Protein backbone atom coordinates (compact mmCIF):
# COMPACT_ATOMS: atom_id res chain seq x y z
CA MET A 1 0.00 0.00 0.00
CA SER A 2 1.46 3.36 -0.98
CA GLU A 3 1.32 6.40 1.25
CA ILE A 4 -1.12 9.16 0.46
CA PRO A 5 0.79 12.40 -0.18
CA VAL A 6 -0.03 15.42 1.95
CA PRO A 7 -1.44 18.19 -0.26
CA GLU A 8 0.89 21.14 -0.68
CA CYS A 9 -1.81 23.55 0.54
CA VAL A 10 -1.94 21.66 3.87
CA VAL A 11 1.83 21.73 4.23
CA ASP A 12 1.84 25.47 3.42
CA LYS A 13 -0.82 26.15 6.08
CA LEU A 14 1.12 24.23 8.72
CA LEU A 15 4.29 26.14 7.82
CA GLU A 16 2.30 29.37 8.18
CA LEU A 17 1.14 28.17 11.62
CA ASN A 18 4.76 27.51 12.60
CA GLN A 19 5.73 31.03 11.50
CA LEU A 20 2.89 32.49 13.56
CA ALA A 21 4.09 30.58 16.63
CA GLU A 22 7.67 31.73 16.07
CA GLN A 23 6.57 35.35 15.67
CA TYR A 24 4.33 35.27 18.76
CA PRO A 25 5.79 32.66 21.16
CA ASP A 26 3.64 33.59 24.19
CA SER A 27 0.30 34.74 22.82
CA ILE A 28 -0.99 35.53 19.36
CA PRO A 29 -2.95 38.75 18.77
CA LEU A 30 -6.57 38.13 17.87
CA PRO A 31 -6.28 39.93 14.49
CA ALA A 32 -3.35 37.67 13.52
CA VAL A 33 -5.33 34.51 14.35
CA ALA A 34 -8.37 35.84 12.49
CA GLY A 35 -6.22 36.56 9.44
CA PHE A 36 -4.62 33.12 9.60
CA MET A 37 -8.04 31.46 9.78
CA GLY A 38 -9.63 33.72 7.18
CA VAL A 39 -12.41 34.97 9.45
CA ALA A 40 -13.49 38.39 10.66
CA ASP A 41 -12.20 39.61 14.02
CA GLU A 42 -15.80 39.91 15.24
CA GLY A 43 -16.55 36.30 14.36
CA LEU A 44 -13.49 35.07 16.21
CA ARG A 45 -14.44 37.14 19.25
CA ALA A 46 -17.94 35.63 19.18
CA TYR A 47 -16.47 32.11 18.96
CA ILE A 48 -14.18 32.68 21.95
CA ASP A 49 -16.95 34.33 23.99
CA ASN A 50 -19.46 31.55 23.32
CA ASN A 51 -17.27 28.45 23.41
CA PRO A 52 -15.97 27.32 26.82
CA ASN A 53 -13.45 25.02 25.09
CA ALA A 54 -12.05 27.73 22.83
CA PHE A 55 -8.32 28.15 22.30
CA GLY A 56 -8.48 31.65 23.79
CA PHE A 57 -10.30 33.52 26.51
CA SER A 58 -11.75 36.95 27.17
CA TRP A 59 -12.53 39.14 30.13
CA LYS A 60 -14.04 42.48 30.95
CA ARG A 61 -12.89 44.60 33.83
CA ILE A 62 -15.47 46.23 36.04
CA GLY A 63 -16.46 49.53 34.49
CA ALA A 64 -14.76 48.76 31.17
CA VAL A 65 -16.63 49.15 27.89
CA ASN A 66 -14.74 46.55 25.81
CA ARG A 67 -13.61 43.01 26.45
CA ALA A 68 -9.97 41.94 26.22
CA TYR A 69 -8.83 38.73 24.50
CA LYS A 70 -5.83 36.46 24.88
CA ILE A 71 -4.90 33.54 22.67
CA PRO A 72 -2.03 31.54 24.17
CA THR A 73 0.26 30.33 21.40
CA ILE A 74 0.67 26.75 22.62
CA ARG A 75 -3.07 26.28 23.11
CA PHE A 76 -3.92 27.63 19.65
CA TYR A 77 -1.14 25.59 18.05
CA ALA A 78 -2.32 22.38 19.73
CA TRP A 79 -5.98 23.13 18.88
CA TYR A 80 -5.20 23.73 15.21
CA ARG A 81 -3.05 20.61 14.94
CA ASN A 82 -5.57 18.44 16.78
CA GLY A 83 -5.21 14.90 15.53
CA LEU A 84 -2.17 15.67 13.38
CA GLY A 85 0.42 15.15 16.10
CA LEU A 86 3.40 17.32 16.83
């Protein structure tokens, strides 16, 4: 049985993920993750706010108008590569 080749577009996306992790080793800015995933910032915020198992989290300080968001690099990297191994 021959091995199934990995499509070049998949390899390219994983290399892009690696570059994102190298550029932001601690946490990745929400706009960078949204751009990587090809979604609007607002959609990503809604996903994080409404999904308790999301790769990021948000908070709102007392008296603040806007929420803040944090996407830890290792958690996003592991979430994206789920099932693909490291």
